Amino acid sequence: MKKKFNLWVHSHPEIKGLIMRLNILFLIIIAGFSNVFATSGYSQIAKVTLNMKHSSLEKVLDEIEKQSEYYFIFNQKQIDVNRVVDIQANNELIVNILPLLFKGTDVN
């Protein structure tokens, strides 16, 4: 059966091209549907509420860890965790809070 199909496809090259185009179209459709059903990751929706004045950066990061599923790992030689910061955020995304905490430093 397989040999007969191969002979038939080889005798009609336009069919071979059509089958190849259909395979490519099928892959494009599958890729499109997978993007439609993709959901936001936790990091894009995680929110915290902070009202901390004259607190060390370490305490602020600890509070973010308590309110979320984040865990921060950092080198204390490169980041001054004793630096005093003021942060006030009411139900804000974590990805928006972190740049405020490290504003004016070389930490990204």
C-alpha atoms as a PDB file:
ATOM      1  CA  MET A   1       0.000   0.000   0.000  1.00  0.00           C
ATOM      2  CA  LYS A   2       2.784   2.394   0.907  1.00  0.00           C
ATOM      3  CA  LYS A   3       4.620   1.818  -2.359  1.00  0.00           C
ATOM      4  CA  LYS A   4       1.480   2.496  -4.377  1.00  0.00           C
ATOM      5  CA  PHE A   5       0.906   5.780  -2.523  1.00  0.00           C
ATOM      6  CA  ASN A   6       4.505   6.889  -3.060  1.00  0.00           C
ATOM      7  CA  LEU A   7       4.315   6.070  -6.773  1.00  0.00           C
ATOM      8  CA  TRP A   8       1.073   8.003  -7.062  1.00  0.00           C
ATOM      9  CA  VAL A   9       2.544  11.068  -5.273  1.00  0.00           C
ATOM     10  CA  HIS A  10       5.702  10.999  -7.369  1.00  0.00           C
ATOM     11  CA  SER A  11       3.702  10.787 -10.565  1.00  0.00           C
ATOM     12  CA  HIS A  12       1.733  13.915  -9.526  1.00  0.00           C
ATOM     13  CA  PRO A  13       4.236  16.525  -8.204  1.00  0.00           C
ATOM     14  CA  GLU A  14       1.493  19.121  -7.656  1.00  0.00           C
ATOM     15  CA  ILE A  15      -0.075  16.777  -5.069  1.00  0.00           C
ATOM     16  CA  LYS A  16       3.255  16.554  -3.232  1.00  0.00           C
ATOM     17  CA  GLY A  17       3.449  20.364  -3.073  1.00  0.00           C
ATOM     18  CA  LEU A  18      -0.142  20.571  -1.863  1.00  0.00           C
ATOM     19  CA  ILE A  19       0.506  18.061   0.917  1.00  0.00           C
ATOM     20  CA  MET A  20       3.570  20.040   2.012  1.00  0.00           C
ATOM     21  CA  ARG A  21       1.564  23.299   2.079  1.00  0.00           C
ATOM     22  CA  LEU A  22      -1.197  21.650   4.097  1.00  0.00           C
ATOM     23  CA  ASN A  23       1.348  20.400   6.651  1.00  0.00           C
ATOM     24  CA  ILE A  24       2.788  23.898   7.028  1.00  0.00           C
ATOM     25  CA  LEU A  25      -0.699  25.389   7.320  1.00  0.00           C
ATOM     26  CA  PHE A  26      -1.576  22.835  10.009  1.00  0.00           C
ATOM     27  CA  LEU A  27       1.532  23.807  12.037  1.00  0.00           C
ATOM     28  CA  ILE A  28       0.682  27.504  11.737  1.00  0.00           C
ATOM     29  CA  ILE A  29      -2.885  26.874  12.927  1.00  0.00           C
ATOM     30  CA  ILE A  30      -1.662  24.827  15.914  1.00  0.00           C
ATOM     31  CA  ALA A  31       0.844  27.570  16.852  1.00  0.00           C
ATOM     32  CA  GLY A  32      -1.895  30.199  16.596  1.00  0.00           C
ATOM     33  CA  PHE A  33      -4.261  28.295  18.868  1.00  0.00           C
ATOM     34  CA  SER A  34      -1.551  27.715  21.444  1.00  0.00           C
ATOM     35  CA  ASN A  35      -0.985  31.490  21.659  1.00  0.00           C
ATOM     36  CA  VAL A  36      -4.699  32.140  22.046  1.00  0.00           C
ATOM     37  CA  PHE A  37      -4.959  29.838  25.046  1.00  0.00           C
ATOM     38  CA  ALA A  38      -1.771  31.060  26.744  1.00  0.00           C
ATOM     39  CA  THR A  39      -2.344  32.569  30.183  1.00  0.00           C
ATOM     40  CA  SER A  40      -0.487  35.214  32.115  1.00  0.00           C
ATOM     41  CA  GLY A  41       2.251  34.001  34.413  1.00  0.00           C
ATOM     42  CA  TYR A  42       2.195  34.554  38.144  1.00  0.00           C
ATOM     43  CA  SER A  43       4.842  37.265  37.895  1.00  0.00           C
ATOM     44  CA  GLN A  44       2.536  39.339  35.701  1.00  0.00           C
ATOM     45  CA  ILE A  45      -0.409  39.231  38.102  1.00  0.00           C
ATOM     46  CA  ALA A  46       1.209  39.058  41.573  1.00  0.00           C
ATOM     47  CA  LYS A  47       0.179  42.067  43.661  1.00  0.00           C
ATOM     48  CA  VAL A  48       1.190  43.260  47.125  1.00  0.00           C
ATOM     49  CA  THR A  49       0.272  46.071  49.484  1.00  0.00           C
ATOM     50  CA  LEU A  50       3.128  47.865  51.227  1.00  0.00           C
ATOM     51  CA  ASN A  51       3.221  50.876  53.521  1.00  0.00           C
ATOM     52  CA  MET A  52       6.753  51.025  54.841  1.00  0.00           C
ATOM     53  CA  LYS A  53       8.636  54.183  55.748  1.00  0.00           C
ATOM     54  CA  HIS A  54      12.261  54.351  56.804  1.00  0.00           C
ATOM     55  CA  SER A  55      12.602  50.582  56.461  1.00  0.00           C
ATOM     56  CA  SER A  56      15.619  48.666  55.328  1.00  0.00           C
ATOM     57  CA  LEU A  57      15.530  47.147  51.874  1.00  0.00           C
ATOM     58  CA  GLU A  58      15.847  43.727  53.487  1.00  0.00           C
ATOM     59  CA  LYS A  59      12.635  44.230  55.500  1.00  0.00           C
ATOM     60  CA  VAL A  60      10.746  45.381  52.409  1.00  0.00           C
ATOM     61  CA  LEU A  61      11.885  42.343  50.430  1.00  0.00           C
ATOM     62  CA  ASP A  62      10.899  40.092  53.350  1.00  0.00           C
ATOM     63  CA  GLU A  63       7.423  41.634  53.363  1.00  0.00           C
ATOM     64  CA  ILE A  64       7.069  41.033  49.612  1.00  0.00           C
ATOM     65  CA  GLU A  65       8.086  37.411  50.192  1.00  0.00           C
ATOM     66  CA  LYS A  66       5.420  37.046  52.900  1.00  0.00           C
ATOM     67  CA  GLN A  67       2.649  38.425  50.685  1.00  0.00           C
ATOM     68  CA  SER A  68       3.610  36.523  47.547  1.00  0.00           C
ATOM     69  CA  GLU A  69       5.261  33.359  46.300  1.00  0.00           C
ATOM     70  CA  TYR A  70       8.488  35.201  45.476  1.00  0.00           C
ATOM     71  CA  TYR A  71      11.807  34.406  47.124  1.00  0.00           C
ATOM     72  CA  PHE A  72      14.715  36.795  46.660  1.00  0.00           C
ATOM     73  CA  ILE A  73      18.277  35.565  46.517  1.00  0.00           C
ATOM     74  CA  PHE A  74      21.005  38.180  46.335  1.00  0.00           C
ATOM     75  CA  ASN A  75      24.631  38.803  47.165  1.00  0.00           C
ATOM     76  CA  GLN A  76      24.887  41.161  50.144  1.00  0.00           C
ATOM     77  CA  LYS A  77      28.287  42.313  48.899  1.00  0.00           C
ATOM     78  CA  GLN A  78      26.682  43.710  45.763  1.00  0.00           C
ATOM     79  CA  ILE A  79      23.378  44.967  47.182  1.00  0.00           C
ATOM     80  CA  ASP A  80      23.139  47.214  50.212  1.00  0.00           C
ATOM     81  CA  VAL A  81      20.255  45.559  52.072  1.00  0.00           C
ATOM     82  CA  ASN A  82      20.580  48.034  54.949  1.00  0.00           C
ATOM     83  CA  ARG A  83      19.724  50.952  52.660  1.00  0.00           C
ATOM     84  CA  VAL A  84      16.685  52.812  53.995  1.00  0.00           C
ATOM     85  CA  VAL A  85      13.745  53.066  51.597  1.00  0.00           C
ATOM     86  CA  ASP A  86      10.207  54.398  51.670  1.00  0.00           C
ATOM     87  CA  ILE A  87       7.586  52.501  49.720  1.00  0.00           C
ATOM     88  CA  GLN A  88       3.848  52.887  49.620  1.00  0.00           C
ATOM     89  CA  ALA A  89       1.887  50.623  47.307  1.00  0.00           C
ATOM     90  CA  ASN A  90      -1.722  49.563  47.474  1.00  0.00           C
ATOM     91  CA  ASN A  91      -2.435  46.355  45.570  1.00  0.00           C
ATOM     92  CA  GLU A  92       0.377  47.052  43.075  1.00  0.00           C
ATOM     93  CA  LEU A  93       2.084  44.611  40.756  1.00  0.00           C
ATOM     94  CA  ILE A  94       5.430  43.403  42.051  1.00  0.00           C
ATOM     95  CA  VAL A  95       7.028  44.055  38.679  1.00  0.00           C
ATOM     96  CA  ASN A  96       6.134  47.742  39.169  1.00  0.00           C
ATOM     97  CA  ILE A  97       7.356  47.916  42.773  1.00  0.00           C
ATOM     98  CA  LEU A  98      10.826  46.431  42.318  1.00  0.00           C
ATOM     99  CA  PRO A  99      12.114  49.189  39.989  1.00  0.00           C
ATOM    100  CA  LEU A 100      11.008  51.763  42.583  1.00  0.00           C
ATOM    101  CA  LEU A 101      12.966  49.970  45.297  1.00  0.00           C
ATOM    102  CA  PHE A 102      16.159  49.917  43.273  1.00  0.00           C
ATOM    103  CA  LYS A 103      15.836  53.372  41.702  1.00  0.00           C
ATOM    104  CA  GLY A 104      19.150  55.204  41.747  1.00  0.00           C
ATOM    105  CA  THR A 105      21.190  51.994  41.994  1.00  0.00           C
ATOM    106  CA  ASP A 106      22.777  49.814  39.362  1.00  0.00           C
ATOM    107  CA  VAL A 107      20.503  46.877  40.242  1.00  0.00           C
ATOM    108  CA  ASN A 108      18.073  45.700  37.568  1.00  0.00           C
END
